[in-house]
Amino acid sequence: MNGGIKVRATDFLCKVATEEEVLEYSCAFLQLYREEARYLERTAPWIERVGLTHVRTRIVDDAAGRHTLYERFLESQRFAQVDPWAERANGKDAEEFAPLRARTTAVAESPPS
C-alpha cells in the first residue's frame, strides 16, 4: 500500500487463489479507501488511522460486504474510467518494446534513405 513518503509495503491483508479474487479484493479495498479516507489522505496514513484489522474485517471477513464494495467500484468506473493501457494491450506502439537485437537487425536491414 503506497502512502506517498510513508510506505506500508509489507502489510499482509490476505492470500487469494485466482485472478478473479485478486480483482474483487483489490477493487473492494480501493472502494473502501475511496469511501472512508479523508480528502487527500494517502493509503498508508489511512491504514494507520483506521487499522489494518478494520480493513481486514471489511474486506476479508465479510464476503457479502466485499462483494458490495466491489460492485460499487465497478459501477463508479463505468462512467469515468478510460483504460490507459487498452491501446497498448491491443498492439499500439508494440515496436517500442521489441527486443534490441530484433530492432538492430531490422534497422541494419533497412535500405538507406
PDB file of N, CA and C in Angstrom:
ATOM      1  N   MET A   1       0.843  -1.170   0.000  1.00  0.00           N
ATOM      2  CA  MET A   1       0.000   0.000   0.000  1.00  0.00           C
ATOM      3  C   MET A   1       0.887   1.231   0.000  1.00  0.00           C
ATOM      4  N   ASN A   2       0.685   2.078  -0.948  1.00  0.00           N
ATOM      5  CA  ASN A   2       1.535   3.249  -1.078  1.00  0.00           C
ATOM      6  C   ASN A   2       0.886   4.445  -0.395  1.00  0.00           C
ATOM      7  N   GLY A   3       1.656   5.114   0.397  1.00  0.00           N
ATOM      8  CA  GLY A   3       1.149   6.299   1.061  1.00  0.00           C
ATOM      9  C   GLY A   3       2.026   7.501   0.810  1.00  0.00           C
ATOM     10  N   GLY A   4       2.587   7.631  -0.374  1.00  0.00           N
ATOM     11  CA  GLY A   4       3.461   8.760  -0.655  1.00  0.00           C
ATOM     12  C   GLY A   4       4.818   8.539  -0.022  1.00  0.00           C
ATOM     13  N   ILE A   5       5.215   9.420   0.910  1.00  0.00           N
ATOM     14  CA  ILE A   5       6.530   9.277   1.535  1.00  0.00           C
ATOM     15  C   ILE A   5       6.522   8.236   2.642  1.00  0.00           C
ATOM     16  N   LYS A   6       5.355   7.837   3.084  1.00  0.00           N
ATOM     17  CA  LYS A   6       5.244   6.803   4.111  1.00  0.00           C
ATOM     18  C   LYS A   6       4.701   5.550   3.432  1.00  0.00           C
ATOM     19  N   VAL A   7       5.513   4.501   3.355  1.00  0.00           N
ATOM     20  CA  VAL A   7       5.140   3.292   2.641  1.00  0.00           C
ATOM     21  C   VAL A   7       4.856   2.168   3.632  1.00  0.00           C
ATOM     22  N   ARG A   8       3.800   1.411   3.352  1.00  0.00           N
ATOM     23  CA  ARG A   8       3.449   0.247   4.156  1.00  0.00           C
ATOM     24  C   ARG A   8       3.435  -0.965   3.219  1.00  0.00           C
ATOM     25  N   ALA A   9       4.540  -1.254   2.620  1.00  0.00           N
ATOM     26  CA  ALA A   9       4.610  -2.281   1.573  1.00  0.00           C
ATOM     27  C   ALA A   9       4.562  -3.702   2.097  1.00  0.00           C
ATOM     28  N   THR A  10       4.740  -3.916   3.371  1.00  0.00           N
ATOM     29  CA  THR A  10       4.793  -5.288   3.883  1.00  0.00           C
ATOM     30  C   THR A  10       3.548  -5.693   4.659  1.00  0.00           C
ATOM     31  N   ASP A  11       2.522  -4.876   4.664  1.00  0.00           N
ATOM     32  CA  ASP A  11       1.284  -5.267   5.336  1.00  0.00           C
ATOM     33  C   ASP A  11       0.629  -6.402   4.564  1.00  0.00           C
ATOM     34  N   PHE A  12       0.290  -7.468   5.278  1.00  0.00           N
ATOM     35  CA  PHE A  12      -0.346  -8.620   4.646  1.00  0.00           C
ATOM     36  C   PHE A  12      -1.837  -8.563   4.920  1.00  0.00           C
ATOM     37  N   LEU A  13      -2.621  -8.454   3.870  1.00  0.00           N
ATOM     38  CA  LEU A  13      -4.071  -8.414   4.024  1.00  0.00           C
ATOM     39  C   LEU A  13      -4.649  -9.820   3.924  1.00  0.00           C
ATOM     40  N   CYS A  14      -4.326 -10.525   2.856  1.00  0.00           N
ATOM     41  CA  CYS A  14      -4.843 -11.885   2.669  1.00  0.00           C
ATOM     42  C   CYS A  14      -4.145 -12.532   1.475  1.00  0.00           C
ATOM     43  N   LYS A  15      -4.408 -13.813   1.312  1.00  0.00           N
ATOM     44  CA  LYS A  15      -3.888 -14.556   0.169  1.00  0.00           C
ATOM     45  C   LYS A  15      -5.085 -15.095  -0.598  1.00  0.00           C
ATOM     46  N   VAL A  16      -5.076 -14.910  -1.914  1.00  0.00           N
ATOM     47  CA  VAL A  16      -6.166 -15.397  -2.747  1.00  0.00           C
ATOM     48  C   VAL A  16      -5.613 -16.357  -3.792  1.00  0.00           C
ATOM     49  N   ALA A  17      -6.513 -17.115  -4.414  1.00  0.00           N
ATOM     50  CA  ALA A  17      -6.069 -18.182  -5.306  1.00  0.00           C
ATOM     51  C   ALA A  17      -6.241 -17.885  -6.792  1.00  0.00           C
ATOM     52  N   THR A  18      -7.146 -16.979  -7.136  1.00  0.00           N
ATOM     53  CA  THR A  18      -7.438 -16.772  -8.553  1.00  0.00           C
ATOM     54  C   THR A  18      -7.306 -15.296  -8.937  1.00  0.00           C
ATOM     55  N   GLU A  19      -7.203 -15.058 -10.223  1.00  0.00           N
ATOM     56  CA  GLU A  19      -7.142 -13.691 -10.732  1.00  0.00           C
ATOM     57  C   GLU A  19      -8.442 -12.944 -10.435  1.00  0.00           C
ATOM     58  N   GLU A  20      -9.560 -13.647 -10.517  1.00  0.00           N
ATOM     59  CA  GLU A  20     -10.856 -13.030 -10.213  1.00  0.00           C
ATOM     60  C   GLU A  20     -10.896 -12.555  -8.761  1.00  0.00           C
ATOM     61  N   GLU A  21     -10.337 -13.354  -7.852  1.00  0.00           N
ATOM     62  CA  GLU A  21     -10.296 -12.952  -6.448  1.00  0.00           C
ATOM     63  C   GLU A  21      -9.390 -11.729  -6.254  1.00  0.00           C
ATOM     64  N   VAL A  22      -8.272 -11.713  -6.948  1.00  0.00           N
ATOM     65  CA  VAL A  22      -7.374 -10.558  -6.861  1.00  0.00           C
ATOM     66  C   VAL A  22      -8.136  -9.292  -7.240  1.00  0.00           C
ATOM     67  N   LEU A  23      -8.885  -9.354  -8.339  1.00  0.00           N
ATOM     68  CA  LEU A  23      -9.651  -8.187  -8.778  1.00  0.00           C
ATOM     69  C   LEU A  23     -10.715  -7.802  -7.758  1.00  0.00           C
ATOM     70  N   GLU A  24     -11.447  -8.782  -7.243  1.00  0.00           N
ATOM     71  CA  GLU A  24     -12.512  -8.458  -6.287  1.00  0.00           C
ATOM     72  C   GLU A  24     -11.940  -7.855  -5.006  1.00  0.00           C
ATOM     73  N   TYR A  25     -10.907  -8.454  -4.446  1.00  0.00           N
ATOM     74  CA  TYR A  25     -10.325  -7.949  -3.203  1.00  0.00           C
ATOM     75  C   TYR A  25      -9.674  -6.578  -3.420  1.00  0.00           C
ATOM     76  N   SER A  26      -8.962  -6.425  -4.523  1.00  0.00           N
ATOM     77  CA  SER A  26      -8.291  -5.144  -4.800  1.00  0.00           C
ATOM     78  C   SER A  26      -9.297  -4.023  -5.026  1.00  0.00           C
ATOM     79  N   CYS A  27     -10.305  -4.293  -5.824  1.00  0.00           N
ATOM     80  CA  CYS A  27     -11.318  -3.269  -6.088  1.00  0.00           C
ATOM     81  C   CYS A  27     -12.106  -2.940  -4.829  1.00  0.00           C
ATOM     82  N   ALA A  28     -12.415  -3.943  -4.020  1.00  0.00           N
ATOM     83  CA  ALA A  28     -13.120  -3.694  -2.760  1.00  0.00           C
ATOM     84  C   ALA A  28     -12.255  -2.840  -1.841  1.00  0.00           C
ATOM     85  N   PHE A  29     -10.956  -3.130  -1.788  1.00  0.00           N
ATOM     86  CA  PHE A  29     -10.047  -2.323  -0.980  1.00  0.00           C
ATOM     87  C   PHE A  29     -10.059  -0.867  -1.450  1.00  0.00           C
ATOM     88  N   LEU A  30      -9.936  -0.671  -2.764  1.00  0.00           N
ATOM     89  CA  LEU A  30      -9.927   0.691  -3.303  1.00  0.00           C
ATOM     90  C   LEU A  30     -11.235   1.422  -3.011  1.00  0.00           C
ATOM     91  N   GLN A  31     -12.360   0.714  -3.126  1.00  0.00           N
ATOM     92  CA  GLN A  31     -13.641   1.357  -2.861  1.00  0.00           C
ATOM     93  C   GLN A  31     -13.790   1.703  -1.384  1.00  0.00           C
ATOM     94  N   LEU A  32     -13.349   0.812  -0.497  1.00  0.00           N
ATOM     95  CA  LEU A  32     -13.395   1.111   0.934  1.00  0.00           C
ATOM     96  C   LEU A  32     -12.548   2.347   1.231  1.00  0.00           C
ATOM     97  N   TYR A  33     -11.374   2.401   0.649  1.00  0.00           N
ATOM     98  CA  TYR A  33     -10.498   3.563   0.797  1.00  0.00           C
ATOM     99  C   TYR A  33     -11.184   4.822   0.263  1.00  0.00           C
ATOM    100  N   ARG A  34     -11.784   4.745  -0.906  1.00  0.00           N
ATOM    101  CA  ARG A  34     -12.471   5.895  -1.502  1.00  0.00           C
ATOM    102  C   ARG A  34     -13.596   6.400  -0.613  1.00  0.00           C
ATOM    103  N   GLU A  35     -14.300   5.476   0.021  1.00  0.00           N
ATOM    104  CA  GLU A  35     -15.449   5.857   0.833  1.00  0.00           C
ATOM    105  C   GLU A  35     -15.071   6.336   2.232  1.00  0.00           C
ATOM    106  N   GLU A  36     -13.966   5.843   2.782  1.00  0.00           N
ATOM    107  CA  GLU A  36     -13.657   6.133   4.177  1.00  0.00           C
ATOM    108  C   GLU A  36     -12.489   7.090   4.405  1.00  0.00           C
ATOM    109  N   ALA A  37     -11.608   7.212   3.444  1.00  0.00           N
ATOM    110  CA  ALA A  37     -10.436   8.072   3.646  1.00  0.00           C
ATOM    111  C   ALA A  37     -10.853   9.535   3.621  1.00  0.00           C
ATOM    112  N   ARG A  38     -10.081  10.331   4.294  1.00  0.00           N
ATOM    113  CA  ARG A  38     -10.292  11.778   4.275  1.00  0.00           C
ATOM    114  C   ARG A  38      -9.761  12.338   2.963  1.00  0.00           C
ATOM    115  N   TYR A  39     -10.251  13.492   2.587  1.00  0.00           N
ATOM    116  CA  TYR A  39      -9.824  14.130   1.351  1.00  0.00           C
ATOM    117  C   TYR A  39      -8.304  14.294   1.352  1.00  0.00           C
ATOM    118  N   LEU A  40      -7.654  13.831   0.286  1.00  0.00           N
ATOM    119  CA  LEU A  40      -6.204  13.861   0.082  1.00  0.00           C
ATOM    120  C   LEU A  40      -5.415  12.970   1.047  1.00  0.00           C
ATOM    121  N   GLU A  41      -6.083  12.143   1.815  1.00  0.00           N
ATOM    122  CA  GLU A  41      -5.377  11.217   2.715  1.00  0.00           C
ATOM    123  C   GLU A  41      -4.862  10.044   1.899  1.00  0.00           C
ATOM    124  N   ARG A  42      -3.579   9.780   1.993  1.00  0.00           N
ATOM    125  CA  ARG A  42      -2.972   8.672   1.258  1.00  0.00           C
ATOM    126  C   ARG A  42      -3.291   7.355   1.952  1.00  0.00           C
ATOM    127  N   THR A  43      -3.032   6.244   1.260  1.00  0.00           N
ATOM    128  CA  THR A  43      -3.425   4.946   1.807  1.00  0.00           C
ATOM    129  C   THR A  43      -2.712   4.591   3.107  1.00  0.00           C
ATOM    130  N   ALA A  44      -1.405   4.851   3.198  1.00  0.00           N
ATOM    131  CA  ALA A  44      -0.681   4.475   4.425  1.00  0.00           C
ATOM    132  C   ALA A  44      -1.199   5.217   5.653  1.00  0.00           C
ATOM    133  N   PRO A  45      -1.364   6.540   5.601  1.00  0.00           N
ATOM    134  CA  PRO A  45      -1.945   7.222   6.761  1.00  0.00           C
ATOM    135  C   PRO A  45      -3.372   6.767   7.066  1.00  0.00           C
ATOM    136  N   TRP A  46      -4.135   6.449   6.031  1.00  0.00           N
ATOM    137  CA  TRP A  46      -5.497   5.946   6.241  1.00  0.00           C
ATOM    138  C   TRP A  46      -5.466   4.620   6.997  1.00  0.00           C
ATOM    139  N   ILE A  47      -4.583   3.704   6.559  1.00  0.00           N
ATOM    140  CA  ILE A  47      -4.458   2.412   7.245  1.00  0.00           C
ATOM    141  C   ILE A  47      -4.037   2.625   8.697  1.00  0.00           C
ATOM    142  N   GLU A  48      -3.113   3.524   8.938  1.00  0.00           N
ATOM    143  CA  GLU A  48      -2.693   3.800  10.312  1.00  0.00           C
ATOM    144  C   GLU A  48      -3.845   4.344  11.148  1.00  0.00           C
ATOM    145  N   ARG A  49      -4.691   5.152  10.532  1.00  0.00           N
ATOM    146  CA  ARG A  49      -5.802   5.754  11.265  1.00  0.00           C
ATOM    147  C   ARG A  49      -6.896   4.743  11.576  1.00  0.00           C
ATOM    148  N   VAL A  50      -7.301   3.936  10.584  1.00  0.00           N
ATOM    149  CA  VAL A  50      -8.418   3.005  10.803  1.00  0.00           C
ATOM    150  C   VAL A  50      -7.959   1.639  11.292  1.00  0.00           C
ATOM    151  N   GLY A  51      -6.717   1.282  11.013  1.00  0.00           N
ATOM    152  CA  GLY A  51      -6.166  -0.002  11.420  1.00  0.00           C
ATOM    153  C   GLY A  51      -6.353  -1.075  10.363  1.00  0.00           C
ATOM    154  N   LEU A  52      -5.331  -1.897  10.201  1.00  0.00           N
ATOM    155  CA  LEU A  52      -5.391  -2.991   9.231  1.00  0.00           C
ATOM    156  C   LEU A  52      -6.473  -3.995   9.617  1.00  0.00           C
ATOM    157  N   THR A  53      -6.729  -4.140  10.915  1.00  0.00           N
ATOM    158  CA  THR A  53      -7.773  -5.059  11.376  1.00  0.00           C
ATOM    159  C   THR A  53      -9.139  -4.629  10.838  1.00  0.00           C
ATOM    160  N   HIS A  54      -9.406  -3.329  10.845  1.00  0.00           N
ATOM    161  CA  HIS A  54     -10.666  -2.814  10.300  1.00  0.00           C
ATOM    162  C   HIS A  54     -10.784  -3.159   8.816  1.00  0.00           C
ATOM    163  N   VAL A  55      -9.724  -2.933   8.074  1.00  0.00           N
ATOM    164  CA  VAL A  55      -9.736  -3.224   6.635  1.00  0.00           C
ATOM    165  C   VAL A  55      -9.913  -4.716   6.412  1.00  0.00           C
ATOM    166  N   ARG A  56      -9.207  -5.535   7.159  1.00  0.00           N
ATOM    167  CA  ARG A  56      -9.320  -6.989   7.027  1.00  0.00           C
ATOM    168  C   ARG A  56     -10.747  -7.448   7.345  1.00  0.00           C
ATOM    169  N   THR A  57     -11.341  -6.863   8.381  1.00  0.00           N
ATOM    170  CA  THR A  57     -12.717  -7.220   8.745  1.00  0.00           C
ATOM    171  C   THR A  57     -13.677  -6.897   7.615  1.00  0.00           C
ATOM    172  N   ARG A  58     -13.511  -5.730   7.011  1.00  0.00           N
ATOM    173  CA  ARG A  58     -14.419  -5.292   5.941  1.00  0.00           C
ATOM    174  C   ARG A  58     -14.178  -6.010   4.613  1.00  0.00           C
ATOM    175  N   ILE A  59     -12.917  -6.351   4.311  1.00  0.00           N
ATOM    176  CA  ILE A  59     -12.585  -6.925   3.004  1.00  0.00           C
ATOM    177  C   ILE A  59     -12.492  -8.447   3.034  1.00  0.00           C
ATOM    178  N   VAL A  60     -11.814  -8.996   4.020  1.00  0.00           N
ATOM    179  CA  VAL A  60     -11.544 -10.431   4.048  1.00  0.00           C
ATOM    180  C   VAL A  60     -12.655 -11.199   4.756  1.00  0.00           C
ATOM    181  N   ASP A  61     -13.066 -10.720   5.917  1.00  0.00           N
ATOM    182  CA  ASP A  61     -14.009 -11.474   6.743  1.00  0.00           C
ATOM    183  C   ASP A  61     -15.460 -11.340   6.295  1.00  0.00           C
ATOM    184  N   ASP A  62     -15.818 -10.277   5.632  1.00  0.00           N
ATOM    185  CA  ASP A  62     -17.199 -10.011   5.239  1.00  0.00           C
ATOM    186  C   ASP A  62     -17.349 -10.183   3.728  1.00  0.00           C
ATOM    187  N   ALA A  63     -17.635 -11.405   3.294  1.00  0.00           N
ATOM    188  CA  ALA A  63     -17.712 -11.700   1.857  1.00  0.00           C
ATOM    189  C   ALA A  63     -18.806 -10.892   1.162  1.00  0.00           C
ATOM    190  N   ALA A  64     -19.962 -10.772   1.779  1.00  0.00           N
ATOM    191  CA  ALA A  64     -21.062 -10.022   1.164  1.00  0.00           C
ATOM    192  C   ALA A  64     -20.698  -8.532   1.076  1.00  0.00           C
ATOM    193  N   GLY A  65     -20.115  -8.003   2.142  1.00  0.00           N
ATOM    194  CA  GLY A  65     -19.691  -6.601   2.129  1.00  0.00           C
ATOM    195  C   GLY A  65     -18.617  -6.342   1.102  1.00  0.00           C
ATOM    196  N   ARG A  66     -17.669  -7.286   0.995  1.00  0.00           N
ATOM    197  CA  ARG A  66     -16.604  -7.164  -0.009  1.00  0.00           C
ATOM    198  C   ARG A  66     -17.202  -7.117  -1.404  1.00  0.00           C
ATOM    199  N   HIS A  67     -18.150  -8.006  -1.672  1.00  0.00           N
ATOM    200  CA  HIS A  67     -18.758  -8.041  -2.999  1.00  0.00           C
ATOM    201  C   HIS A  67     -19.532  -6.751  -3.282  1.00  0.00           C
ATOM    202  N   THR A  68     -20.195  -6.206  -2.280  1.00  0.00           N
ATOM    203  CA  THR A  68     -20.913  -4.941  -2.438  1.00  0.00           C
ATOM    204  C   THR A  68     -19.939  -3.810  -2.759  1.00  0.00           C
ATOM    205  N   LEU A  69     -18.821  -3.748  -2.039  1.00  0.00           N
ATOM    206  CA  LEU A  69     -17.798  -2.741  -2.321  1.00  0.00           C
ATOM    207  C   LEU A  69     -17.262  -2.910  -3.742  1.00  0.00           C
ATOM    208  N   TYR A  70     -17.006  -4.159  -4.132  1.00  0.00           N
ATOM    209  CA  TYR A  70     -16.509  -4.466  -5.470  1.00  0.00           C
ATOM    210  C   TYR A  70     -17.492  -3.970  -6.535  1.00  0.00           C
ATOM    211  N   GLU A  71     -18.773  -4.246  -6.335  1.00  0.00           N
ATOM    212  CA  GLU A  71     -19.792  -3.812  -7.297  1.00  0.00           C
ATOM    213  C   GLU A  71     -19.870  -2.285  -7.369  1.00  0.00           C
ATOM    214  N   ARG A  72     -19.762  -1.626  -6.230  1.00  0.00           N
ATOM    215  CA  ARG A  72     -19.788  -0.154  -6.239  1.00  0.00           C
ATOM    216  C   ARG A  72     -18.569   0.403  -6.972  1.00  0.00           C
ATOM    217  N   PHE A  73     -17.405  -0.242  -6.796  1.00  0.00           N
ATOM    218  CA  PHE A  73     -16.207   0.200  -7.512  1.00  0.00           C
ATOM    219  C   PHE A  73     -16.419   0.050  -9.020  1.00  0.00           C
ATOM    220  N   LEU A  74     -16.910  -1.120  -9.447  1.00  0.00           N
ATOM    221  CA  LEU A  74     -17.141  -1.336 -10.878  1.00  0.00           C
ATOM    222  C   LEU A  74     -18.128  -0.316 -11.435  1.00  0.00           C
ATOM    223  N   GLU A  75     -19.187  -0.031 -10.705  1.00  0.00           N
ATOM    224  CA  GLU A  75     -20.169   0.957 -11.146  1.00  0.00           C
ATOM    225  C   GLU A  75     -19.521   2.333 -11.297  1.00  0.00           C
ATOM    226  N   SER A  76     -18.675   2.704 -10.351  1.00  0.00           N
ATOM    227  CA  SER A  76     -18.027   4.017 -10.421  1.00  0.00           C
ATOM    228  C   SER A  76     -17.107   4.133 -11.623  1.00  0.00           C
ATOM    229  N   GLN A  77     -16.507   3.040 -12.013  1.00  0.00           N
ATOM    230  CA  GLN A  77     -15.554   3.069 -13.120  1.00  0.00           C
ATOM    231  C   GLN A  77     -16.222   3.018 -14.486  1.00  0.00           C
ATOM    232  N   ARG A  78     -17.474   2.605 -14.528  1.00  0.00           N
ATOM    233  CA  ARG A  78     -18.188   2.547 -15.813  1.00  0.00           C
ATOM    234  C   ARG A  78     -18.251   3.896 -16.494  1.00  0.00           C
ATOM    235  N   PHE A  79     -18.354   4.952 -15.722  1.00  0.00           N
ATOM    236  CA  PHE A  79     -18.594   6.283 -16.280  1.00  0.00           C
ATOM    237  C   PHE A  79     -17.333   7.119 -16.414  1.00  0.00           C
ATOM    238  N   ALA A  80     -16.345   6.855 -15.603  1.00  0.00           N
ATOM    239  CA  ALA A  80     -15.214   7.772 -15.528  1.00  0.00           C
ATOM    240  C   ALA A  80     -13.885   7.161 -15.926  1.00  0.00           C
ATOM    241  N   GLN A  81     -13.815   5.881 -16.113  1.00  0.00           N
ATOM    242  CA  GLN A  81     -12.516   5.246 -16.319  1.00  0.00           C
ATOM    243  C   GLN A  81     -12.260   4.915 -17.775  1.00  0.00           C
ATOM    244  N   VAL A  82     -11.176   5.410 -18.280  1.00  0.00           N
ATOM    245  CA  VAL A  82     -10.676   5.015 -19.584  1.00  0.00           C
ATOM    246  C   VAL A  82      -9.393   4.243 -19.302  1.00  0.00           C
ATOM    247  N   ASP A  83      -9.318   3.037 -19.796  1.00  0.00           N
ATOM    248  CA  ASP A  83      -8.152   2.201 -19.535  1.00  0.00           C
ATOM    249  C   ASP A  83      -6.958   2.746 -20.318  1.00  0.00           C
ATOM    250  N   PRO A  84      -5.951   3.286 -19.614  1.00  0.00           N
ATOM    251  CA  PRO A  84      -4.822   3.878 -20.329  1.00  0.00           C
ATOM    252  C   PRO A  84      -3.940   2.854 -21.023  1.00  0.00           C
ATOM    253  N   TRP A  85      -4.094   1.589 -20.699  1.00  0.00           N
ATOM    254  CA  TRP A  85      -3.246   0.556 -21.301  1.00  0.00           C
ATOM    255  C   TRP A  85      -3.972  -0.235 -22.390  1.00  0.00           C
ATOM    256  N   ALA A  86      -5.248   0.015 -22.611  1.00  0.00           N
ATOM    257  CA  ALA A  86      -6.015  -0.776 -23.575  1.00  0.00           C
ATOM    258  C   ALA A  86      -5.414  -0.719 -24.973  1.00  0.00           C
ATOM    259  N   GLU A  87      -5.042   0.481 -25.436  1.00  0.00           N
ATOM    260  CA  GLU A  87      -4.456   0.594 -26.772  1.00  0.00           C
ATOM    261  C   GLU A  87      -3.155  -0.185 -26.862  1.00  0.00           C
ATOM    262  N   ARG A  88      -2.332  -0.092 -25.837  1.00  0.00           N
ATOM    263  CA  ARG A  88      -1.058  -0.826 -25.848  1.00  0.00           C
ATOM    264  C   ARG A  88      -1.297  -2.328 -25.824  1.00  0.00           C
ATOM    265  N   ALA A  89      -2.276  -2.771 -25.042  1.00  0.00           N
ATOM    266  CA  ALA A  89      -2.576  -4.197 -24.976  1.00  0.00           C
ATOM    267  C   ALA A  89      -3.040  -4.726 -26.327  1.00  0.00           C
ATOM    268  N   ASN A  90      -3.619  -3.837 -27.133  1.00  0.00           N
ATOM    269  CA  ASN A  90      -4.080  -4.222 -28.459  1.00  0.00           C
ATOM    270  C   ASN A  90      -3.034  -3.989 -29.545  1.00  0.00           C
ATOM    271  N   GLY A  91      -1.788  -3.676 -29.139  1.00  0.00           N
ATOM    272  CA  GLY A  91      -0.700  -3.603 -30.099  1.00  0.00           C
ATOM    273  C   GLY A  91      -0.191  -2.226 -30.458  1.00  0.00           C
ATOM    274  N   LYS A  92      -0.835  -1.166 -29.987  1.00  0.00           N
ATOM    275  CA  LYS A  92      -0.351   0.180 -30.318  1.00  0.00           C
ATOM    276  C   LYS A  92       1.063   0.372 -29.775  1.00  0.00           C
ATOM    277  N   ASP A  93       1.946   0.880 -30.597  1.00  0.00           N
ATOM    278  CA  ASP A  93       3.342   1.145 -30.234  1.00  0.00           C
ATOM    279  C   ASP A  93       4.096  -0.113 -29.795  1.00  0.00           C
ATOM    280  N   ALA A  94       3.693  -1.266 -30.289  1.00  0.00           N
ATOM    281  CA  ALA A  94       4.333  -2.524 -29.905  1.00  0.00           C
ATOM    282  C   ALA A  94       5.823  -2.535 -30.251  1.00  0.00           C
ATOM    283  N   GLU A  95       6.215  -1.810 -31.307  1.00  0.00           N
ATOM    284  CA  GLU A  95       7.621  -1.797 -31.712  1.00  0.00           C
ATOM    285  C   GLU A  95       8.521  -1.160 -30.657  1.00  0.00           C
ATOM    286  N   GLU A  96       7.958  -0.368 -29.764  1.00  0.00           N
ATOM    287  CA  GLU A  96       8.763   0.251 -28.706  1.00  0.00           C
ATOM    288  C   GLU A  96       9.375  -0.791 -27.769  1.00  0.00           C
ATOM    289  N   PHE A  97       8.732  -1.936 -27.698  1.00  0.00           N
ATOM    290  CA  PHE A  97       9.171  -2.939 -26.740  1.00  0.00           C
ATOM    291  C   PHE A  97       9.743  -4.182 -27.421  1.00  0.00           C
ATOM    292  N   ALA A  98      10.136  -4.046 -28.668  1.00  0.00           N
ATOM    293  CA  ALA A  98      10.773  -5.155 -29.375  1.00  0.00           C
ATOM    294  C   ALA A  98      12.175  -5.356 -28.793  1.00  0.00           C
ATOM    295  N   PRO A  99      12.630  -6.597 -28.717  1.00  0.00           N
ATOM    296  CA  PRO A  99      13.990  -6.829 -28.221  1.00  0.00           C
ATOM    297  C   PRO A  99      14.999  -6.027 -29.045  1.00  0.00           C
ATOM    298  N   LEU A 100      16.055  -5.551 -28.402  1.00  0.00           N
ATOM    299  CA  LEU A 100      17.044  -4.720 -29.083  1.00  0.00           C
ATOM    300  C   LEU A 100      17.675  -5.429 -30.272  1.00  0.00           C
ATOM    301  N   ARG A 101      17.959  -6.717 -30.132  1.00  0.00           N
ATOM    302  CA  ARG A 101      18.565  -7.456 -31.239  1.00  0.00           C
ATOM    303  C   ARG A 101      17.657  -7.422 -32.456  1.00  0.00           C
ATOM    304  N   ALA A 102      16.365  -7.624 -32.274  1.00  0.00           N
ATOM    305  CA  ALA A 102      15.426  -7.609 -33.400  1.00  0.00           C
ATOM    306  C   ALA A 102      15.352  -6.212 -34.014  1.00  0.00           C
ATOM    307  N   ARG A 103      15.372  -5.194 -33.201  1.00  0.00           N
ATOM    308  CA  ARG A 103      15.328  -3.822 -33.724  1.00  0.00           C
ATOM    309  C   ARG A 103      16.614  -3.493 -34.455  1.00  0.00           C
ATOM    310  N   THR A 104      17.754  -3.894 -33.906  1.00  0.00           N
ATOM    311  CA  THR A 104      19.039  -3.628 -34.539  1.00  0.00           C
ATOM    312  C   THR A 104      19.098  -4.316 -35.897  1.00  0.00           C
ATOM    313  N   THR A 105      18.633  -5.563 -35.952  1.00  0.00           N
ATOM    314  CA  THR A 105      18.630  -6.310 -37.207  1.00  0.00           C
ATOM    315  C   THR A 105      17.711  -5.631 -38.213  1.00  0.00           C
ATOM    316  N   ALA A 106      16.532  -5.225 -37.761  1.00  0.00           N
ATOM    317  CA  ALA A 106      15.577  -4.579 -38.659  1.00  0.00           C
ATOM    318  C   ALA A 106      16.137  -3.258 -39.182  1.00  0.00           C
ATOM    319  N   VAL A 107      16.794  -2.497 -38.328  1.00  0.00           N
ATOM    320  CA  VAL A 107      17.383  -1.216 -38.755  1.00  0.00           C
ATOM    321  C   VAL A 107      18.529  -1.484 -39.727  1.00  0.00           C
ATOM    322  N   ALA A 108      19.374  -2.487 -39.427  1.00  0.00           N
ATOM    323  CA  ALA A 108      20.511  -2.795 -40.297  1.00  0.00           C
ATOM    324  C   ALA A 108      20.063  -3.263 -41.678  1.00  0.00           C
ATOM    325  N   GLU A 109      18.914  -3.929 -41.721  1.00  0.00           N
ATOM    326  CA  GLU A 109      18.437  -4.465 -42.998  1.00  0.00           C
ATOM    327  C   GLU A 109      17.659  -3.424 -43.805  1.00  0.00           C
ATOM    328  N   SER A 110      17.311  -2.303 -43.177  1.00  0.00           N
ATOM    329  CA  SER A 110      16.551  -1.278 -43.883  1.00  0.00           C
ATOM    330  C   SER A 110      17.425  -0.618 -44.937  1.00  0.00           C
ATOM    331  N   PRO A 111      16.875  -0.357 -46.129  1.00  0.00           N
ATOM    332  CA  PRO A 111      17.665   0.315 -47.166  1.00  0.00           C
ATOM    333  C   PRO A 111      17.943   1.751 -46.754  1.00  0.00           C
ATOM    334  N   PRO A 112      19.071   2.293 -47.123  1.00  0.00           N
ATOM    335  CA  PRO A 112      19.398   3.681 -46.781  1.00  0.00           C
ATOM    336  C   PRO A 112      18.399   4.640 -47.414  1.00  0.00           C
ATOM    337  N   SER A 113      18.136   5.718 -46.736  1.00  0.00           N
ATOM    338  CA  SER A 113      17.171   6.705 -47.245  1.00  0.00           C
ATOM    339  C   SER A 113      17.819   7.657 -48.205  1.00  0.00           C
TER     340      SER A 113
END
